[in-house]
Amino acid sequence: MDLSKFTLAVFDIFAYLLPGTLLLVLLSVGEATFLSSSTLKLSQFKQLAVPFLISAYFLGHLANSVGTVLTERVKWLRVPRGGALSDELFTQIRNRVVLTFGIDVSTLKNQKLETLAVYKFADSFVVAKDKAAERESLLLREAFALSTLGVFVSWAVVGVAAVFKGGLAFRIDATTRILLDRGSTIAITGAALVLAFVFWRRYRRFLLLRRSSIYTLFMALTAKVP
């Protein structure tokens, strides 16, 4: 068995397919709540499993993009770019990157490497040395948490809108529509917000661990550099 292909499959399932499935269910709920059509009725998910799985996969990418936008654009959701390291230690890492790659910082606009560039140089070095096993594990968990954050924020937004509509609805088939009351809708919306916060915390943790891990590995692998 080609383990690299297996790893990719696992990444796709957890990072995109599972969150995308939750987002696909949300689209069904949104249609049942705000529209009179029944295109995405829940009974069809089993009958058209393959098309729905493909749709869920692409929706998972959308959920990941939503999570990315939230963590980059919303100020209080942003994660420090330097990782869970002190400024002094990160400065040493930046200097080591400059030394290892022979970068002439005098040609740079701000006379120093940007934080993102420092990470990319360190990450590329670690990958080239085939020492990125822990990185792959953290990337998987980080991507899953980020996509799931996007999903539950989307659930919360739809839930808030549904409160004013009368409540969330689920369409089982063309003739069966289950309407929840406002109390149940508020409870689901609250749960979605709590889960969004939980997965944001998980995403932040895995992201910082990955960055710190890469920096630590880079320093260890370049320890012989004078």
N, C-alpha and C. Protein backbone atom coordinates (compact mmCIF):
# COMPACT_ATOMS: atom_id res chain seq x y z
N MET A 1 0.84 -1.21 0.00
CA MET A 1 0.00 0.00 0.00
C MET A 1 0.87 1.25 0.00
N ASP A 2 0.50 2.24 -0.82
CA ASP A 2 1.22 3.51 -0.84
C ASP A 2 0.72 4.37 0.32
N LEU A 3 1.55 4.50 1.35
CA LEU A 3 1.12 5.21 2.56
C LEU A 3 0.88 6.69 2.31
N SER A 4 1.60 7.27 1.34
CA SER A 4 1.40 8.69 1.06
C SER A 4 0.00 8.95 0.53
N LYS A 5 -0.51 8.01 -0.31
CA LYS A 5 -1.87 8.15 -0.82
C LYS A 5 -2.88 7.93 0.29
N PHE A 6 -2.59 6.99 1.19
CA PHE A 6 -3.48 6.73 2.32
C PHE A 6 -3.58 7.95 3.22
N THR A 7 -2.45 8.59 3.48
CA THR A 7 -2.43 9.79 4.31
C THR A 7 -3.26 10.90 3.68
N LEU A 8 -3.14 11.04 2.35
CA LEU A 8 -3.92 12.05 1.65
C LEU A 8 -5.41 11.77 1.79
N ALA A 9 -5.80 10.49 1.69
CA ALA A 9 -7.21 10.13 1.81
C ALA A 9 -7.73 10.47 3.20
N VAL A 10 -6.96 10.16 4.23
CA VAL A 10 -7.37 10.47 5.60
C VAL A 10 -7.51 11.97 5.77
N PHE A 11 -6.56 12.73 5.22
CA PHE A 11 -6.61 14.19 5.32
C PHE A 11 -7.89 14.71 4.67
N ASP A 12 -8.21 14.21 3.47
CA ASP A 12 -9.40 14.67 2.76
C ASP A 12 -10.67 14.35 3.53
N ILE A 13 -10.72 13.17 4.14
CA ILE A 13 -11.92 12.76 4.88
C ILE A 13 -12.15 13.68 6.08
N PHE A 14 -11.12 13.89 6.87
CA PHE A 14 -11.29 14.65 8.12
C PHE A 14 -11.28 16.16 7.89
N ALA A 15 -10.50 16.62 6.94
CA ALA A 15 -10.39 18.06 6.73
C ALA A 15 -11.52 18.62 5.87
N TYR A 16 -12.05 17.79 4.97
CA TYR A 16 -13.04 18.31 4.02
C TYR A 16 -14.36 17.54 3.98
N LEU A 17 -14.29 16.20 3.90
CA LEU A 17 -15.51 15.43 3.69
C LEU A 17 -16.46 15.51 4.89
N LEU A 18 -15.96 15.29 6.10
CA LEU A 18 -16.84 15.33 7.28
C LEU A 18 -17.41 16.73 7.52
N PRO A 19 -16.58 17.79 7.54
CA PRO A 19 -17.16 19.13 7.69
C PRO A 19 -18.10 19.48 6.54
N GLY A 20 -17.75 19.02 5.31
CA GLY A 20 -18.61 19.31 4.17
C GLY A 20 -19.97 18.64 4.28
N THR A 21 -20.00 17.46 4.89
CA THR A 21 -21.27 16.77 5.10
C THR A 21 -22.16 17.57 6.05
N LEU A 22 -21.57 18.10 7.10
CA LEU A 22 -22.33 18.94 8.03
C LEU A 22 -22.85 20.19 7.34
N LEU A 23 -22.04 20.74 6.43
CA LEU A 23 -22.47 21.94 5.70
C LEU A 23 -23.57 21.59 4.70
N LEU A 24 -23.50 20.38 4.13
CA LEU A 24 -24.54 19.94 3.20
C LEU A 24 -25.87 19.77 3.94
N VAL A 25 -25.83 19.22 5.15
CA VAL A 25 -27.04 19.10 5.97
C VAL A 25 -27.58 20.50 6.28
N LEU A 26 -26.68 21.45 6.54
CA LEU A 26 -27.11 22.82 6.81
C LEU A 26 -27.83 23.41 5.60
N LEU A 27 -27.31 23.14 4.41
CA LEU A 27 -27.99 23.63 3.20
C LEU A 27 -29.40 23.05 3.08
N SER A 28 -29.54 21.77 3.45
CA SER A 28 -30.86 21.14 3.44
C SER A 28 -31.78 21.82 4.44
N VAL A 29 -31.22 22.08 5.64
CA VAL A 29 -32.01 22.76 6.68
C VAL A 29 -32.37 24.18 6.24
N GLY A 30 -31.42 24.87 5.60
CA GLY A 30 -31.69 26.23 5.12
C GLY A 30 -32.79 26.24 4.07
N GLU A 31 -32.76 25.28 3.17
CA GLU A 31 -33.80 25.20 2.15
C GLU A 31 -35.16 24.93 2.79
N ALA A 32 -35.20 23.98 3.73
CA ALA A 32 -36.46 23.63 4.39
C ALA A 32 -36.99 24.80 5.23
N THR A 33 -36.09 25.61 5.76
CA THR A 33 -36.49 26.71 6.64
C THR A 33 -36.97 27.93 5.87
N PHE A 34 -36.27 28.27 4.78
CA PHE A 34 -36.53 29.54 4.11
C PHE A 34 -37.19 29.41 2.73
N LEU A 35 -37.20 28.19 2.16
CA LEU A 35 -37.76 28.00 0.83
C LEU A 35 -38.84 26.93 0.85
N SER A 36 -39.65 26.89 -0.18
CA SER A 36 -40.72 25.89 -0.26
C SER A 36 -40.30 24.68 -1.09
N SER A 37 -39.11 24.71 -1.68
CA SER A 37 -38.66 23.60 -2.52
C SER A 37 -38.15 22.44 -1.66
N SER A 38 -37.89 21.31 -2.31
CA SER A 38 -37.42 20.12 -1.58
C SER A 38 -36.27 19.44 -2.31
N THR A 39 -35.43 20.23 -2.96
CA THR A 39 -34.31 19.69 -3.75
C THR A 39 -33.33 18.91 -2.88
N LEU A 40 -33.07 19.43 -1.68
CA LEU A 40 -32.07 18.81 -0.78
C LEU A 40 -32.73 18.09 0.38
N LYS A 41 -33.87 17.47 0.14
CA LYS A 41 -34.54 16.74 1.22
C LYS A 41 -33.62 15.62 1.72
N LEU A 42 -33.69 15.34 3.02
CA LEU A 42 -32.75 14.42 3.67
C LEU A 42 -32.85 12.99 3.13
N SER A 43 -34.03 12.59 2.69
CA SER A 43 -34.19 11.22 2.18
C SER A 43 -33.36 10.98 0.92
N GLN A 44 -33.00 12.06 0.22
CA GLN A 44 -32.23 11.91 -1.01
C GLN A 44 -30.75 11.65 -0.74
N PHE A 45 -30.29 11.97 0.46
CA PHE A 45 -28.87 11.80 0.76
C PHE A 45 -28.44 10.35 0.60
N LYS A 46 -29.30 9.42 0.99
CA LYS A 46 -28.97 8.00 0.87
C LYS A 46 -29.14 7.52 -0.56
N GLN A 47 -30.17 8.00 -1.22
CA GLN A 47 -30.45 7.55 -2.59
C GLN A 47 -29.39 8.04 -3.58
N LEU A 48 -28.87 9.24 -3.35
CA LEU A 48 -27.86 9.82 -4.25
C LEU A 48 -26.55 10.02 -3.47
N ALA A 49 -26.08 8.93 -2.86
CA ALA A 49 -24.95 9.02 -1.95
C ALA A 49 -23.68 9.57 -2.62
N VAL A 50 -23.36 9.05 -3.80
CA VAL A 50 -22.11 9.45 -4.45
C VAL A 50 -22.12 10.93 -4.83
N PRO A 51 -23.15 11.44 -5.52
CA PRO A 51 -23.17 12.87 -5.83
C PRO A 51 -23.13 13.74 -4.57
N PHE A 52 -23.82 13.31 -3.51
CA PHE A 52 -23.83 14.09 -2.29
C PHE A 52 -22.46 14.06 -1.60
N LEU A 53 -21.75 12.94 -1.66
CA LEU A 53 -20.41 12.87 -1.08
C LEU A 53 -19.44 13.78 -1.83
N ILE A 54 -19.57 13.79 -3.15
CA ILE A 54 -18.73 14.68 -3.96
C ILE A 54 -19.04 16.14 -3.62
N SER A 55 -20.33 16.44 -3.50
CA SER A 55 -20.73 17.80 -3.12
C SER A 55 -20.21 18.15 -1.74
N ALA A 56 -20.29 17.20 -0.81
CA ALA A 56 -19.81 17.42 0.56
C ALA A 56 -18.32 17.72 0.57
N TYR A 57 -17.57 17.02 -0.27
CA TYR A 57 -16.12 17.24 -0.34
C TYR A 57 -15.79 18.66 -0.75
N PHE A 58 -16.48 19.15 -1.80
CA PHE A 58 -16.22 20.52 -2.24
C PHE A 58 -16.75 21.54 -1.24
N LEU A 59 -17.85 21.22 -0.59
CA LEU A 59 -18.36 22.12 0.45
C LEU A 59 -17.40 22.17 1.63
N GLY A 60 -16.67 21.07 1.87
CA GLY A 60 -15.66 21.07 2.92
C GLY A 60 -14.57 22.08 2.64
N HIS A 61 -14.20 22.23 1.38
CA HIS A 61 -13.22 23.26 1.00
C HIS A 61 -13.79 24.64 1.27
N LEU A 62 -15.08 24.80 1.00
CA LEU A 62 -15.73 26.08 1.27
C LEU A 62 -15.72 26.37 2.77
N ALA A 63 -16.03 25.36 3.58
CA ALA A 63 -16.02 25.52 5.03
C ALA A 63 -14.63 25.90 5.52
N ASN A 64 -13.61 25.28 4.94
CA ASN A 64 -12.24 25.61 5.31
C ASN A 64 -11.92 27.05 4.95
N SER A 65 -12.42 27.52 3.81
CA SER A 65 -12.20 28.90 3.40
C SER A 65 -12.91 29.88 4.34
N VAL A 66 -14.11 29.50 4.77
CA VAL A 66 -14.84 30.34 5.73
C VAL A 66 -14.05 30.45 7.03
N GLY A 67 -13.53 29.31 7.51
CA GLY A 67 -12.72 29.33 8.72
C GLY A 67 -11.47 30.16 8.55
N THR A 68 -10.84 30.08 7.38
CA THR A 68 -9.63 30.86 7.11
C THR A 68 -9.93 32.36 7.14
N VAL A 69 -11.02 32.75 6.49
CA VAL A 69 -11.41 34.17 6.47
C VAL A 69 -11.67 34.66 7.88
N LEU A 70 -12.38 33.86 8.67
CA LEU A 70 -12.70 34.26 10.04
C LEU A 70 -11.43 34.46 10.87
N THR A 71 -10.49 33.52 10.76
CA THR A 71 -9.28 33.59 11.60
C THR A 71 -8.27 34.60 11.10
N GLU A 72 -8.47 35.09 9.86
CA GLU A 72 -7.56 36.10 9.34
C GLU A 72 -8.16 37.50 9.38
N ARG A 73 -9.49 37.59 9.27
CA ARG A 73 -10.14 38.90 9.18
C ARG A 73 -10.74 39.40 10.49
N VAL A 74 -11.19 38.46 11.32
CA VAL A 74 -11.81 38.86 12.59
C VAL A 74 -10.70 39.03 13.63
N LYS A 75 -10.53 40.23 14.11
CA LYS A 75 -9.37 40.57 14.94
C LYS A 75 -9.21 39.66 16.14
N TRP A 76 -10.28 39.38 16.88
CA TRP A 76 -10.14 38.61 18.12
C TRP A 76 -10.07 37.11 17.86
N LEU A 77 -10.16 36.70 16.59
CA LEU A 77 -9.97 35.28 16.25
C LEU A 77 -8.59 35.01 15.65
N ARG A 78 -7.83 36.06 15.43
CA ARG A 78 -6.52 35.89 14.81
C ARG A 78 -5.56 35.17 15.75
N VAL A 79 -4.63 34.44 15.13
CA VAL A 79 -3.60 33.72 15.88
C VAL A 79 -2.27 34.41 15.64
N PRO A 80 -1.46 34.65 16.68
CA PRO A 80 -0.15 35.30 16.48
C PRO A 80 0.67 34.55 15.45
N ARG A 81 1.24 35.27 14.50
CA ARG A 81 1.97 34.63 13.41
C ARG A 81 3.30 34.05 13.86
N GLY A 82 3.83 34.53 14.96
CA GLY A 82 5.14 34.04 15.40
C GLY A 82 5.11 32.69 16.07
N GLY A 83 3.93 32.20 16.38
CA GLY A 83 3.85 30.93 17.10
C GLY A 83 3.97 31.16 18.59
N ALA A 84 3.95 30.06 19.35
CA ALA A 84 3.99 30.16 20.81
C ALA A 84 5.44 30.28 21.28
N LEU A 85 6.15 31.31 20.81
CA LEU A 85 7.55 31.52 21.14
C LEU A 85 7.75 32.96 21.60
N SER A 86 8.77 33.16 22.42
CA SER A 86 9.10 34.51 22.86
C SER A 86 9.69 35.30 21.68
N ASP A 87 9.63 36.63 21.78
CA ASP A 87 10.20 37.46 20.72
C ASP A 87 11.69 37.22 20.56
N GLU A 88 12.37 36.99 21.69
CA GLU A 88 13.82 36.78 21.65
C GLU A 88 14.17 35.50 20.91
N LEU A 89 13.42 34.43 21.20
CA LEU A 89 13.70 33.15 20.54
C LEU A 89 13.36 33.23 19.06
N PHE A 90 12.26 33.90 18.72
CA PHE A 90 11.89 34.02 17.32
C PHE A 90 12.93 34.84 16.55
N THR A 91 13.50 35.84 17.19
CA THR A 91 14.57 36.63 16.56
C THR A 91 15.77 35.74 16.26
N GLN A 92 16.10 34.84 17.17
CA GLN A 92 17.21 33.90 16.93
C GLN A 92 16.89 32.98 15.75
N ILE A 93 15.65 32.55 15.65
CA ILE A 93 15.25 31.69 14.53
C ILE A 93 15.35 32.45 13.22
N ARG A 94 14.89 33.70 13.22
CA ARG A 94 14.99 34.52 12.01
C ARG A 94 16.45 34.68 11.59
N ASN A 95 17.33 34.94 12.56
CA ASN A 95 18.75 35.08 12.26
C ASN A 95 19.34 33.78 11.70
N ARG A 96 18.89 32.65 12.25
CA ARG A 96 19.38 31.36 11.77
C ARG A 96 18.92 31.09 10.34
N VAL A 97 17.68 31.50 10.02
CA VAL A 97 17.18 31.36 8.65
C VAL A 97 18.04 32.18 7.69
N VAL A 98 18.33 33.40 8.06
CA VAL A 98 19.16 34.28 7.23
C VAL A 98 20.53 33.65 7.00
N LEU A 99 21.12 33.09 8.06
CA LEU A 99 22.44 32.47 7.98
C LEU A 99 22.41 31.20 7.14
N THR A 100 21.41 30.36 7.37
CA THR A 100 21.32 29.06 6.68
C THR A 100 21.12 29.23 5.18
N PHE A 101 20.25 30.15 4.79
CA PHE A 101 19.95 30.33 3.37
C PHE A 101 20.77 31.42 2.70
N GLY A 102 21.64 32.08 3.47
CA GLY A 102 22.50 33.12 2.90
C GLY A 102 21.72 34.29 2.35
N ILE A 103 20.70 34.73 3.07
CA ILE A 103 19.83 35.82 2.60
C ILE A 103 20.47 37.17 2.91
N ASP A 104 20.48 38.04 1.91
CA ASP A 104 21.01 39.40 2.10
C ASP A 104 19.86 40.30 2.55
N VAL A 105 19.76 40.51 3.85
CA VAL A 105 18.63 41.28 4.38
C VAL A 105 18.69 42.76 3.99
N SER A 106 19.86 43.23 3.56
CA SER A 106 19.98 44.64 3.18
C SER A 106 19.13 44.97 1.96
N THR A 107 18.76 43.93 1.20
CA THR A 107 17.93 44.15 0.00
C THR A 107 16.44 44.14 0.33
N LEU A 108 16.09 43.80 1.57
CA LEU A 108 14.68 43.72 1.96
C LEU A 108 14.16 45.08 2.36
N LYS A 109 12.90 45.29 2.10
CA LYS A 109 12.28 46.59 2.36
C LYS A 109 12.39 47.00 3.82
N ASN A 110 12.03 46.08 4.74
CA ASN A 110 12.05 46.40 6.17
C ASN A 110 13.31 45.92 6.88
N GLN A 111 14.31 45.56 6.08
CA GLN A 111 15.60 45.12 6.63
C GLN A 111 15.49 43.86 7.49
N LYS A 112 14.43 43.09 7.31
CA LYS A 112 14.29 41.81 8.02
C LYS A 112 13.26 40.94 7.31
N LEU A 113 13.34 39.65 7.57
CA LEU A 113 12.37 38.73 6.99
C LEU A 113 11.03 38.86 7.69
N GLU A 114 9.96 38.82 6.90
CA GLU A 114 8.62 38.81 7.50
C GLU A 114 8.39 37.47 8.20
N THR A 115 7.50 37.47 9.17
CA THR A 115 7.23 36.27 9.97
C THR A 115 6.81 35.09 9.10
N LEU A 116 5.93 35.33 8.14
CA LEU A 116 5.45 34.25 7.28
C LEU A 116 6.60 33.68 6.45
N ALA A 117 7.49 34.56 5.98
CA ALA A 117 8.63 34.09 5.20
C ALA A 117 9.55 33.23 6.05
N VAL A 118 9.75 33.62 7.30
CA VAL A 118 10.59 32.84 8.21
C VAL A 118 10.03 31.44 8.37
N TYR A 119 8.72 31.34 8.57
CA TYR A 119 8.10 30.02 8.72
C TYR A 119 8.27 29.20 7.44
N LYS A 120 8.03 29.80 6.29
CA LYS A 120 8.13 29.05 5.03
C LYS A 120 9.54 28.52 4.80
N PHE A 121 10.55 29.33 5.10
CA PHE A 121 11.93 28.87 4.96
C PHE A 121 12.22 27.71 5.92
N ALA A 122 11.80 27.85 7.17
CA ALA A 122 12.04 26.80 8.16
C ALA A 122 11.28 25.53 7.79
N ASP A 123 10.03 25.70 7.36
CA ASP A 123 9.20 24.55 7.00
C ASP A 123 9.79 23.80 5.80
N SER A 124 10.23 24.54 4.79
CA SER A 124 10.82 23.92 3.61
C SER A 124 12.07 23.13 3.97
N PHE A 125 12.86 23.67 4.89
CA PHE A 125 14.09 22.99 5.31
C PHE A 125 13.75 21.67 6.01
N VAL A 126 12.77 21.71 6.90
CA VAL A 126 12.37 20.52 7.64
C VAL A 126 11.80 19.46 6.70
N VAL A 127 10.97 19.87 5.74
CA VAL A 127 10.39 18.93 4.77
C VAL A 127 11.49 18.31 3.92
N ALA A 128 12.46 19.13 3.50
CA ALA A 128 13.56 18.63 2.68
C ALA A 128 14.39 17.59 3.43
N LYS A 129 14.45 17.72 4.74
CA LYS A 129 15.20 16.77 5.57
C LYS A 129 14.36 15.56 5.96
N ASP A 130 13.12 15.49 5.47
CA ASP A 130 12.22 14.37 5.75
C ASP A 130 11.99 14.19 7.25
N LYS A 131 11.73 15.31 7.93
CA LYS A 131 11.51 15.28 9.38
C LYS A 131 10.15 15.88 9.74
N ALA A 132 9.16 15.71 8.86
CA ALA A 132 7.90 16.44 9.03
C ALA A 132 6.73 15.55 9.45
N ALA A 133 7.00 14.40 10.09
CA ALA A 133 5.91 13.50 10.47
C ALA A 133 4.95 14.16 11.46
N GLU A 134 5.48 14.81 12.47
CA GLU A 134 4.63 15.48 13.46
C GLU A 134 3.87 16.62 12.81
N ARG A 135 4.51 17.30 11.88
CA ARG A 135 3.87 18.40 11.16
C ARG A 135 2.63 17.92 10.43
N GLU A 136 2.71 16.74 9.77
CA GLU A 136 1.58 16.21 9.02
C GLU A 136 0.40 15.92 9.94
N SER A 137 0.67 15.35 11.11
CA SER A 137 -0.38 15.04 12.07
C SER A 137 -1.06 16.33 12.55
N LEU A 138 -0.26 17.34 12.85
CA LEU A 138 -0.82 18.60 13.33
C LEU A 138 -1.59 19.32 12.22
N LEU A 139 -1.10 19.21 10.98
CA LEU A 139 -1.81 19.81 9.85
C LEU A 139 -3.19 19.21 9.68
N LEU A 140 -3.29 17.89 9.84
CA LEU A 140 -4.58 17.21 9.71
C LEU A 140 -5.56 17.71 10.76
N ARG A 141 -5.13 17.74 12.01
CA ARG A 141 -6.02 18.18 13.09
C ARG A 141 -6.35 19.67 12.97
N GLU A 142 -5.37 20.43 12.54
CA GLU A 142 -5.58 21.86 12.35
C GLU A 142 -6.61 22.13 11.26
N ALA A 143 -6.48 21.43 10.12
CA ALA A 143 -7.41 21.62 9.00
C ALA A 143 -8.83 21.19 9.38
N PHE A 144 -8.94 20.08 10.13
CA PHE A 144 -10.26 19.62 10.57
C PHE A 144 -10.91 20.66 11.49
N ALA A 145 -10.13 21.18 12.44
CA ALA A 145 -10.67 22.18 13.36
C ALA A 145 -11.07 23.46 12.63
N LEU A 146 -10.27 23.86 11.64
CA LEU A 146 -10.56 25.09 10.90
C LEU A 146 -11.83 24.94 10.06
N SER A 147 -11.95 23.80 9.36
CA SER A 147 -13.16 23.57 8.56
C SER A 147 -14.40 23.48 9.44
N THR A 148 -14.27 22.79 10.58
CA THR A 148 -15.41 22.62 11.47
C THR A 148 -15.81 23.95 12.11
N LEU A 149 -14.83 24.80 12.38
CA LEU A 149 -15.12 26.16 12.84
C LEU A 149 -16.01 26.87 11.83
N GLY A 150 -15.64 26.80 10.54
CA GLY A 150 -16.44 27.43 9.49
C GLY A 150 -17.84 26.87 9.42
N VAL A 151 -17.98 25.55 9.63
CA VAL A 151 -19.29 24.90 9.58
C VAL A 151 -20.19 25.42 10.70
N PHE A 152 -19.69 25.43 11.92
CA PHE A 152 -20.55 25.79 13.05
C PHE A 152 -20.85 27.29 13.10
N VAL A 153 -19.96 28.12 12.60
CA VAL A 153 -20.29 29.53 12.46
C VAL A 153 -21.43 29.69 11.45
N SER A 154 -21.36 28.92 10.36
CA SER A 154 -22.44 28.95 9.37
C SER A 154 -23.76 28.47 9.97
N TRP A 155 -23.71 27.40 10.78
CA TRP A 155 -24.92 26.92 11.46
C TRP A 155 -25.49 28.00 12.37
N ALA A 156 -24.61 28.72 13.08
CA ALA A 156 -25.07 29.76 13.99
C ALA A 156 -25.74 30.90 13.23
N VAL A 157 -25.16 31.29 12.08
CA VAL A 157 -25.74 32.38 11.28
C VAL A 157 -27.12 31.99 10.78
N VAL A 158 -27.24 30.76 10.25
CA VAL A 158 -28.55 30.29 9.77
C VAL A 158 -29.53 30.19 10.93
N GLY A 159 -29.03 29.75 12.09
CA GLY A 159 -29.90 29.63 13.26
C GLY A 159 -30.47 30.96 13.71
N VAL A 160 -29.63 31.99 13.71
CA VAL A 160 -30.09 33.34 14.10
C VAL A 160 -31.16 33.82 13.13
N ALA A 161 -30.90 33.63 11.83
CA ALA A 161 -31.90 34.05 10.83
C ALA A 161 -33.20 33.26 10.99
N ALA A 162 -33.08 31.97 11.34
CA ALA A 162 -34.26 31.12 11.47
C ALA A 162 -35.12 31.52 12.66
N VAL A 163 -34.52 32.08 13.70
CA VAL A 163 -35.30 32.53 14.86
C VAL A 163 -36.35 33.54 14.42
N PHE A 164 -35.98 34.44 13.53
CA PHE A 164 -36.92 35.46 13.04
C PHE A 164 -37.94 34.87 12.05
N LYS A 165 -37.59 33.70 11.49
CA LYS A 165 -38.48 33.05 10.53
C LYS A 165 -39.50 32.17 11.25
N GLY A 166 -39.24 31.85 12.51
CA GLY A 166 -40.15 31.00 13.26
C GLY A 166 -39.50 29.74 13.79
N GLY A 167 -38.31 29.42 13.29
CA GLY A 167 -37.60 28.24 13.76
C GLY A 167 -36.98 27.45 12.62
N LEU A 168 -35.99 26.66 12.93
CA LEU A 168 -35.36 25.80 11.94
C LEU A 168 -36.31 24.70 11.48
N ALA A 169 -36.13 24.24 10.25
CA ALA A 169 -36.98 23.18 9.72
C ALA A 169 -36.12 22.11 9.06
N PHE A 170 -36.60 20.88 9.10
CA PHE A 170 -35.94 19.75 8.44
C PHE A 170 -36.94 19.11 7.48
N ARG A 171 -36.55 18.96 6.22
CA ARG A 171 -37.44 18.31 5.26
C ARG A 171 -36.96 16.88 5.05
N ILE A 172 -37.71 15.93 5.55
CA ILE A 172 -37.35 14.52 5.43
C ILE A 172 -37.57 14.03 4.01
N ASP A 173 -38.74 14.33 3.45
CA ASP A 173 -39.03 14.00 2.05
C ASP A 173 -39.94 15.10 1.50
N ALA A 174 -40.47 14.87 0.30
CA ALA A 174 -41.26 15.92 -0.35
C ALA A 174 -42.49 16.33 0.44
N THR A 175 -43.01 15.44 1.29
CA THR A 175 -44.25 15.73 2.00
C THR A 175 -44.07 15.92 3.51
N THR A 176 -42.90 15.55 4.04
CA THR A 176 -42.68 15.61 5.48
C THR A 176 -41.68 16.71 5.83
N ARG A 177 -42.16 17.69 6.55
CA ARG A 177 -41.33 18.82 6.98
C ARG A 177 -41.49 19.00 8.49
N ILE A 178 -40.40 18.94 9.21
CA ILE A 178 -40.43 19.09 10.66
C ILE A 178 -39.95 20.49 11.03
N LEU A 179 -40.81 21.25 11.71
CA LEU A 179 -40.49 22.62 12.10
C LEU A 179 -40.22 22.67 13.60
N LEU A 180 -39.06 23.17 13.97
CA LEU A 180 -38.71 23.33 15.38
C LEU A 180 -39.24 24.67 15.89
N ASP A 181 -39.52 24.74 17.18
CA ASP A 181 -39.95 26.02 17.74
C ASP A 181 -38.74 26.93 17.97
N ARG A 182 -39.03 28.18 18.34
CA ARG A 182 -37.94 29.14 18.52
C ARG A 182 -36.99 28.73 19.65
N GLY A 183 -37.53 28.14 20.70
CA GLY A 183 -36.70 27.72 21.83
C GLY A 183 -35.66 26.68 21.41
N SER A 184 -36.10 25.70 20.64
CA SER A 184 -35.19 24.66 20.16
C SER A 184 -34.16 25.25 19.19
N THR A 185 -34.62 26.19 18.36
CA THR A 185 -33.72 26.83 17.40
C THR A 185 -32.65 27.64 18.11
N ILE A 186 -33.07 28.36 19.16
CA ILE A 186 -32.09 29.13 19.94
C ILE A 186 -31.08 28.21 20.62
N ALA A 187 -31.56 27.06 21.11
CA ALA A 187 -30.67 26.09 21.76
C ALA A 187 -29.65 25.55 20.76
N ILE A 188 -30.10 25.20 19.56
CA ILE A 188 -29.20 24.69 18.53
C ILE A 188 -28.19 25.77 18.11
N THR A 189 -28.68 26.99 17.98
CA THR A 189 -27.78 28.10 17.62
C THR A 189 -26.73 28.33 18.69
N GLY A 190 -27.16 28.28 19.96
CA GLY A 190 -26.22 28.44 21.06
C GLY A 190 -25.18 27.33 21.07
N ALA A 191 -25.64 26.10 20.82
CA ALA A 191 -24.72 24.96 20.78
C ALA A 191 -23.72 25.12 19.63
N ALA A 192 -24.18 25.63 18.49
CA ALA A 192 -23.30 25.85 17.35
C ALA A 192 -22.22 26.88 17.68
N LEU A 193 -22.62 27.93 18.40
CA LEU A 193 -21.65 28.96 18.79
C LEU A 193 -20.61 28.40 19.76
N VAL A 194 -21.07 27.58 20.71
CA VAL A 194 -20.15 26.96 21.66
C VAL A 194 -19.17 26.05 20.93
N LEU A 195 -19.67 25.24 20.02
CA LEU A 195 -18.82 24.33 19.26
C LEU A 195 -17.85 25.10 18.36
N ALA A 196 -18.32 26.22 17.80
CA ALA A 196 -17.43 27.06 16.99
C ALA A 196 -16.27 27.57 17.84
N PHE A 197 -16.57 27.99 19.07
CA PHE A 197 -15.53 28.47 19.97
C PHE A 197 -14.56 27.34 20.33
N VAL A 198 -15.10 26.16 20.59
CA VAL A 198 -14.26 25.00 20.94
C VAL A 198 -13.31 24.67 19.80
N PHE A 199 -13.83 24.63 18.57
CA PHE A 199 -12.98 24.27 17.44
C PHE A 199 -12.01 25.40 17.08
N TRP A 200 -12.40 26.64 17.36
CA TRP A 200 -11.43 27.73 17.18
C TRP A 200 -10.27 27.55 18.13
N ARG A 201 -10.55 27.18 19.38
CA ARG A 201 -9.49 26.94 20.36
C ARG A 201 -8.61 25.78 19.93
N ARG A 202 -9.22 24.72 19.39
CA ARG A 202 -8.45 23.58 18.91
C ARG A 202 -7.57 23.97 17.72
N TYR A 203 -8.17 24.73 16.80
CA TYR A 203 -7.39 25.19 15.64
C TYR A 203 -6.20 26.02 16.10
N ARG A 204 -6.44 26.95 17.02
CA ARG A 204 -5.36 27.81 17.51
C ARG A 204 -4.25 26.98 18.15
N ARG A 205 -4.64 25.99 18.94
CA ARG A 205 -3.67 25.14 19.61
C ARG A 205 -2.81 24.36 18.62
N PHE A 206 -3.46 23.72 17.64
CA PHE A 206 -2.71 22.92 16.67
C PHE A 206 -1.84 23.79 15.77
N LEU A 207 -2.33 24.98 15.43
CA LEU A 207 -1.54 25.88 14.60
C LEU A 207 -0.27 26.32 15.32
N LEU A 208 -0.41 26.73 16.57
CA LEU A 208 0.75 27.16 17.34
C LEU A 208 1.72 26.01 17.59
N LEU A 209 1.16 24.82 17.84
CA LEU A 209 2.03 23.65 18.03
C LEU A 209 2.81 23.34 16.76
N ARG A 210 2.14 23.43 15.61
CA ARG A 210 2.82 23.14 14.35
C ARG A 210 3.94 24.13 14.09
N ARG A 211 3.67 25.42 14.27
CA ARG A 211 4.70 26.42 14.04
C ARG A 211 5.88 26.23 15.00
N SER A 212 5.56 26.04 16.27
CA SER A 212 6.63 25.84 17.25
C SER A 212 7.44 24.60 16.94
N SER A 213 6.75 23.53 16.51
CA SER A 213 7.43 22.28 16.17
C SER A 213 8.38 22.49 15.00
N ILE A 214 7.92 23.20 13.97
CA ILE A 214 8.77 23.46 12.81
C ILE A 214 9.99 24.29 13.19
N TYR A 215 9.78 25.33 13.98
CA TYR A 215 10.91 26.18 14.40
C TYR A 215 11.92 25.39 15.23
N THR A 216 11.41 24.56 16.14
CA THR A 216 12.29 23.77 16.99
C THR A 216 13.10 22.77 16.17
N LEU A 217 12.42 22.08 15.25
CA LEU A 217 13.10 21.13 14.37
C LEU A 217 14.14 21.84 13.50
N PHE A 218 13.78 23.00 12.99
CA PHE A 218 14.72 23.75 12.15
C PHE A 218 15.97 24.12 12.93
N MET A 219 15.80 24.59 14.15
CA MET A 219 16.96 24.96 14.98
C MET A 219 17.82 23.74 15.27
N ALA A 220 17.18 22.59 15.52
CA ALA A 220 17.92 21.38 15.82
C ALA A 220 18.69 20.88 14.60
N LEU A 221 18.06 20.93 13.44
CA LEU A 221 18.67 20.43 12.21
C LEU A 221 19.80 21.33 11.71
N THR A 222 19.77 22.60 12.11
CA THR A 222 20.81 23.54 11.66
C THR A 222 21.76 23.88 12.80
N ALA A 223 21.81 23.03 13.80
CA ALA A 223 22.63 23.33 14.98
C ALA A 223 24.11 23.46 14.66
N LYS A 224 24.56 22.83 13.58
CA LYS A 224 25.99 22.86 13.24
C LYS A 224 26.35 24.10 12.42
N VAL A 225 25.34 24.89 12.05
CA VAL A 225 25.62 26.12 11.32
C VAL A 225 26.31 27.11 12.25
N PRO A 226 27.46 27.66 11.90
CA PRO A 226 28.18 28.56 12.82
C PRO A 226 27.42 29.86 13.06
